[in-house]
Amino acid sequence: MLKNSLLAAILLLFSFYVIKKEVLEVAAPSSVTLIESELSWNGDSLPHYPLSKPKISILKITIPAHSELPLHFHPVINAGVLLTGELFVIDEDGNELTLKAGDPIVEIVNKKHLGRNTGDIDAEIIVFYAGTQGMKITEKVQ
């Protein structure tokens, strides 16, 4: 009886070890680089960072279906990932880009552009801005 109980305890401990090991292996963190660049999406070189105190902003922007962002520019370096929908972007020189859900973008800096959602669902994008205290991250063009 003691022998069977001891064997059962060992098997039970071994099964916990196997289950824990499998859980740890499955739950291991991972990292994937979505984009890494010194250039914006249209091929322009990114500017140097300003020398003043940095201010990071992270925005979730929703562009409703069949709508358009106004003509604007960003005086700061920014990048994002489109979460849902599709987004068509065009800059003042006529360069075009179409983003689909999951696509990353390194935005253009100090160049007029707009984004257009021609799809049937809202486009949502998370954008990270690397600015400085008192500096606007977006300027609308009148």
Protein backbone atom coordinates (compact mmCIF):
# COMPACT_ATOMS: atom_id res chain seq x y z
CA MET A 1 0.00 0.00 0.00
CA LEU A 2 2.81 2.39 0.94
CA LYS A 3 4.60 1.52 -2.25
CA ASN A 4 1.49 2.32 -4.34
CA SER A 5 0.94 5.61 -2.44
CA LEU A 6 4.57 6.61 -2.96
CA LEU A 7 4.35 5.78 -6.65
CA ALA A 8 1.12 7.78 -6.96
CA ALA A 9 2.72 10.77 -5.21
CA ILE A 10 5.76 10.64 -7.53
CA LEU A 11 3.53 10.43 -10.62
CA LEU A 12 1.44 13.33 -9.33
CA LEU A 13 4.52 15.49 -8.73
CA PHE A 14 5.92 14.59 -12.15
CA SER A 15 2.61 15.51 -13.84
CA PHE A 16 2.65 18.92 -12.06
CA TYR A 17 6.22 19.44 -13.31
CA VAL A 18 5.23 18.59 -16.90
CA ILE A 19 2.12 20.79 -16.80
CA LYS A 20 4.04 23.71 -15.23
CA LYS A 21 6.86 23.33 -17.76
CA GLU A 22 4.37 23.35 -20.68
CA VAL A 23 2.58 26.42 -19.27
CA LEU A 24 5.87 28.26 -18.84
CA GLU A 25 6.97 27.39 -22.35
CA VAL A 26 3.65 28.51 -23.86
CA ALA A 27 3.48 31.74 -21.83
CA ALA A 28 7.01 32.94 -22.64
CA PRO A 29 7.12 36.59 -23.78
CA SER A 30 8.05 37.36 -27.36
CA SER A 31 8.95 40.41 -29.36
CA VAL A 32 8.49 41.23 -33.05
CA THR A 33 9.89 44.37 -34.65
CA LEU A 34 7.06 45.84 -36.72
CA ILE A 35 9.17 48.60 -38.24
CA GLU A 36 12.56 50.20 -37.74
CA SER A 37 13.62 53.09 -39.92
CA GLU A 38 15.50 56.36 -40.24
CA LEU A 39 13.08 57.33 -43.02
CA SER A 40 9.39 58.19 -43.05
CA TRP A 41 6.92 56.22 -45.18
CA ASN A 42 7.53 58.44 -48.24
CA GLY A 43 11.33 58.10 -48.03
CA ASP A 44 12.14 61.43 -46.35
CA SER A 45 14.90 61.37 -43.72
CA LEU A 46 13.67 61.85 -40.18
CA PRO A 47 14.91 65.06 -38.53
CA HIS A 48 17.13 65.22 -35.44
CA TYR A 49 15.34 65.31 -32.12
CA PRO A 50 14.98 68.75 -30.52
CA LEU A 51 17.45 69.49 -27.73
CA SER A 52 14.86 70.41 -25.09
CA LYS A 53 13.13 68.18 -22.53
CA PRO A 54 11.29 65.32 -24.29
CA LYS A 55 7.56 64.76 -24.09
CA ILE A 56 6.10 61.49 -25.37
CA SER A 57 2.43 61.34 -26.35
CA ILE A 58 0.49 58.22 -27.34
CA LEU A 59 -2.86 58.75 -29.06
CA LYS A 60 -5.55 56.38 -30.25
CA ILE A 61 -7.09 58.06 -33.28
CA THR A 62 -10.39 56.93 -34.82
CA ILE A 63 -11.18 57.88 -38.41
CA PRO A 64 -14.84 57.01 -39.06
CA ALA A 65 -15.77 55.01 -42.15
CA HIS A 66 -15.99 57.13 -45.31
CA SER A 67 -14.33 60.16 -43.70
CA GLU A 68 -11.12 62.12 -44.07
CA LEU A 69 -8.66 63.79 -41.73
CA PRO A 70 -8.05 67.46 -42.54
CA LEU A 71 -4.84 68.47 -44.29
CA HIS A 72 -2.19 68.70 -41.55
CA PHE A 73 1.47 68.21 -40.69
CA HIS A 74 3.45 66.97 -37.71
CA PRO A 75 6.38 69.02 -36.41
CA VAL A 76 7.57 66.00 -34.39
CA ILE A 77 8.68 62.47 -35.19
CA ASN A 78 5.85 59.97 -34.83
CA ALA A 79 5.02 56.39 -35.70
CA GLY A 80 2.00 54.17 -35.32
CA VAL A 81 0.20 50.92 -35.99
CA LEU A 82 -3.20 50.68 -37.65
CA LEU A 83 -5.37 48.49 -35.43
CA THR A 84 -8.55 48.22 -37.51
CA GLY A 85 -9.80 49.19 -40.94
CA GLU A 86 -7.86 50.64 -43.84
CA LEU A 87 -6.32 54.06 -44.28
CA PHE A 88 -5.17 55.81 -47.45
CA VAL A 89 -2.50 58.50 -46.89
CA ILE A 90 -1.24 61.05 -49.42
CA ASP A 91 1.40 63.75 -48.93
CA GLU A 92 1.77 67.18 -50.57
CA ASP A 93 4.06 65.70 -53.25
CA GLY A 94 1.51 63.08 -54.31
CA ASN A 95 3.20 60.12 -52.58
CA GLU A 96 0.57 57.57 -51.54
CA LEU A 97 0.37 54.80 -48.98
CA THR A 98 -2.44 52.37 -48.14
CA LEU A 99 -2.41 50.82 -44.67
CA LYS A 100 -4.34 47.74 -43.62
CA ALA A 101 -5.01 46.58 -40.06
CA GLY A 102 -1.74 45.56 -38.42
CA ASP A 103 0.47 47.71 -40.66
CA PRO A 104 3.04 50.01 -39.02
CA ILE A 105 3.88 53.51 -40.27
CA VAL A 106 6.71 55.97 -39.65
CA GLU A 107 5.00 59.28 -40.38
CA ILE A 108 6.38 62.18 -42.35
CA VAL A 109 7.55 65.26 -40.44
CA ASN A 110 6.87 68.89 -41.44
CA LYS A 111 5.16 67.90 -44.68
CA LYS A 112 1.44 68.38 -45.40
CA HIS A 113 -0.62 65.21 -45.77
CA LEU A 114 -4.01 63.73 -45.05
CA GLY A 115 -5.55 60.38 -44.27
CA ARG A 116 -8.73 59.00 -45.80
CA ASN A 117 -10.85 56.07 -44.66
CA THR A 118 -12.73 54.83 -47.72
CA GLY A 119 -13.76 51.60 -45.99
CA ASP A 120 -16.99 50.56 -44.33
CA ILE A 121 -15.55 50.27 -40.78
CA ASP A 122 -13.80 52.80 -38.56
CA ALA A 123 -10.02 52.92 -38.86
CA GLU A 124 -8.27 53.00 -35.49
CA ILE A 125 -4.58 53.79 -35.18
CA ILE A 126 -2.28 54.10 -32.17
CA VAL A 127 0.33 56.82 -32.76
CA PHE A 128 3.44 57.55 -30.66
CA TYR A 129 4.73 61.15 -30.84
CA ALA A 130 8.27 62.13 -29.73
CA GLY A 131 7.96 65.85 -29.07
CA THR A 132 9.03 68.35 -26.43
CA GLN A 133 7.30 70.41 -23.76
CA GLY A 134 5.15 73.14 -25.36
CA MET A 135 5.52 71.75 -28.89
CA LYS A 136 2.37 70.83 -30.83
CA ILE A 137 2.28 67.30 -32.24
CA THR A 138 -0.13 68.14 -35.08
CA GLU A 139 -0.84 71.38 -36.93
CA LYS A 140 -3.92 71.74 -39.16
CA VAL A 141 -3.37 73.53 -42.45
CA GLN A 142 -5.86 76.35 -43.04
